Protein backbone atom coordinates (compact mmCIF):
# COMPACT_ATOMS: atom_id res chain seq x y z
CA MET A 1 17.45 3.17 17.00
CA LYS A 2 18.51 1.72 20.36
CA ALA A 3 15.02 0.31 20.90
CA GLY A 4 15.23 -1.59 17.61
CA LEU A 5 18.65 -2.98 18.46
CA SER A 6 17.50 -4.15 21.89
CA LYS A 7 14.57 -6.00 20.29
CA VAL A 8 16.93 -7.80 17.94
CA VAL A 9 19.28 -8.73 20.78
CA LEU A 10 16.35 -9.92 22.89
CA GLY A 11 15.00 -11.99 19.98
CA LEU A 12 18.40 -13.57 19.32
CA SER A 13 18.81 -14.36 23.01
CA ALA A 14 15.42 -16.06 23.12
CA ALA A 15 16.17 -18.06 19.97
CA LEU A 16 19.55 -19.17 21.35
CA THR A 17 18.00 -20.20 24.64
CA LEU A 18 15.27 -22.22 22.93
CA SER A 19 17.67 -23.90 20.53
CA LEU A 20 19.95 -24.96 23.38
CA GLY A 21 17.00 -26.37 25.29
CA VAL A 22 15.83 -28.42 22.29
CA SER A 23 19.26 -29.83 21.51
CA ALA A 24 19.77 -30.82 25.14
CA ALA A 25 16.51 -32.81 25.24
CA ASP A 26 16.83 -36.51 26.02
CA LEU A 27 16.05 -38.39 22.79
CA SER A 28 16.22 -41.91 24.21
CA ASN A 29 13.27 -44.24 23.58
CA ASP A 30 12.35 -44.25 27.27
CA ALA A 31 12.36 -40.45 27.45
CA ILE A 32 10.22 -40.19 24.32
CA LYS A 33 7.72 -42.73 25.68
CA LYS A 34 7.44 -40.73 28.91
CA ARG A 35 6.83 -37.50 26.98
CA ILE A 36 4.05 -38.94 24.82
CA ALA A 37 2.41 -41.06 27.51
CA PRO A 38 -1.20 -40.22 28.43
CA VAL A 39 -1.55 -37.72 31.23
CA GLY A 40 -3.92 -39.94 33.16
CA ASN A 41 -6.49 -42.71 33.05
CA VAL A 42 -10.22 -42.61 33.64
CA TYR A 43 -11.66 -44.98 36.19
CA LEU A 44 -15.29 -45.12 37.16
CA ALA A 45 -15.77 -46.75 40.53
CA GLY A 46 -17.87 -49.87 40.25
CA ALA A 47 -17.76 -49.94 36.45
CA ALA A 48 -16.42 -53.10 34.90
CA ALA A 49 -14.04 -52.85 32.00
CA PRO A 50 -15.79 -53.50 28.68
CA VAL A 51 -15.32 -57.00 27.41
CA VAL A 52 -14.82 -57.34 23.70
CA GLU A 53 -15.70 -60.83 22.61
CA ALA A 54 -14.30 -62.46 19.54
CA PRO A 55 -16.91 -63.35 16.93
CA LYS A 56 -18.38 -66.78 17.43
CA GLY A 57 -18.52 -68.73 14.22
CA PRO A 58 -18.36 -67.42 10.67
CA ARG A 59 -19.30 -63.84 9.86
CA THR A 60 -22.44 -63.22 7.85
CA GLY A 61 -22.32 -62.13 4.23
CA GLN A 62 -23.68 -58.75 5.29
CA SER A 63 -20.97 -58.19 7.90
CA VAL A 64 -18.19 -59.19 5.47
CA TYR A 65 -19.72 -56.89 2.84
CA GLN A 66 -19.91 -53.98 5.29
CA MET A 67 -16.38 -54.56 6.57
CA SER A 68 -14.47 -55.32 3.37
CA CYS A 69 -16.60 -55.00 0.25
CA PHE A 70 -18.65 -51.83 0.67
CA GLY A 71 -15.78 -49.47 -0.14
CA CYS A 72 -15.96 -50.54 -3.79
CA HIS A 73 -19.19 -52.52 -4.22
CA GLY A 74 -21.20 -49.89 -2.37
CA THR A 75 -19.77 -46.95 -4.33
CA GLY A 76 -18.79 -48.40 -7.71
CA ALA A 77 -15.14 -47.51 -7.15
CA ALA A 78 -12.72 -48.91 -9.75
CA GLY A 79 -15.65 -50.23 -11.79
CA ALA A 80 -16.89 -52.64 -9.12
CA PRO A 81 -20.47 -53.80 -9.66
CA LEU A 82 -22.80 -52.29 -7.09
CA LYS A 83 -24.62 -54.55 -4.66
CA GLY A 84 -28.00 -55.49 -6.10
CA ASN A 85 -27.37 -53.98 -9.56
CA ALA A 86 -28.65 -56.70 -11.88
CA ASP A 87 -27.24 -55.13 -15.06
CA ALA A 88 -23.73 -54.86 -13.62
CA TRP A 89 -23.77 -58.38 -12.16
CA ALA A 90 -25.40 -60.17 -15.13
CA PRO A 91 -22.20 -60.77 -17.16
CA ARG A 92 -20.37 -61.85 -14.02
CA LEU A 93 -23.11 -64.23 -12.90
CA ALA A 94 -23.21 -65.69 -16.44
CA GLN A 95 -19.62 -66.91 -15.91
CA GLY A 96 -20.78 -69.06 -13.01
CA PHE A 97 -20.32 -68.98 -9.27
CA ASP A 98 -16.97 -70.80 -9.40
CA VAL A 99 -15.48 -67.93 -11.44
CA LEU A 100 -16.90 -65.37 -8.98
CA MET A 101 -15.34 -67.29 -6.09
CA ASP A 102 -12.01 -67.50 -7.90
CA HIS A 103 -12.05 -63.73 -8.49
CA ALA A 104 -13.02 -63.11 -4.87
CA LYS A 105 -10.26 -65.35 -3.52
CA ASN A 106 -7.45 -64.37 -5.89
CA GLY A 107 -8.43 -60.87 -6.97
CA PHE A 108 -9.44 -59.65 -10.39
CA ASN A 109 -8.65 -56.41 -12.23
CA ALA A 110 -8.58 -53.69 -9.53
CA MET A 111 -10.02 -55.97 -6.83
CA PRO A 112 -7.37 -57.26 -4.44
CA PRO A 113 -7.36 -60.88 -3.25
CA LYS A 114 -10.20 -61.55 -0.85
CA GLY A 115 -11.33 -57.97 -1.35
CA THR A 116 -9.03 -56.96 1.55
CA CYS A 117 -10.63 -59.45 3.97
CA MET A 118 -7.48 -61.48 4.40
CA ASP A 119 -8.89 -63.46 7.33
CA CYS A 120 -12.13 -64.40 5.54
CA SER A 121 -12.80 -68.06 4.99
CA ASP A 122 -14.13 -69.40 1.70
CA ASP A 123 -17.57 -69.73 3.31
CA GLU A 124 -17.50 -66.07 4.40
CA LEU A 125 -16.47 -64.95 0.90
CA LYS A 126 -19.27 -67.06 -0.56
CA ALA A 127 -21.75 -65.49 1.87
CA ALA A 128 -20.57 -61.99 0.87
CA ILE A 129 -21.04 -62.76 -2.84
CA GLU A 130 -24.49 -64.19 -2.14
CA PHE A 131 -25.37 -61.06 -0.12
CA MET A 132 -24.26 -58.73 -2.95
CA THR A 133 -26.15 -60.71 -5.60
CA ALA A 134 -29.27 -61.58 -3.59
CA GLY A 135 -32.47 -61.19 -5.58
CA LEU A 136 -30.78 -60.86 -8.98
């Protein structure tokens, strides 16, 4: 019986010690930033840091499609017509390109405005539509 009691006392002592340590922790923003900061950095002697260049000029229809349109137009999510599917695109194409552009810019049904490519220009949206409907 004494062994059981000593285990309980030891467990309670450990719990009390841990709870006091947690409540005494510094919760300031600086202290939190120090605790979650990376442990170190990797440096390779003689290696230049990678340079990420901004795109030059407008993005292609394919790159806009891959970046912003594929999630729905590549899977058929929310009833989106699949890229290259003539039957799905036929009624949409029959409305004319201006209607397609209006839907692309302003959204239509489940499609959000600009298909989530908020920084796409009209020319880039046009190129994406042309890429999805090429050959139809």
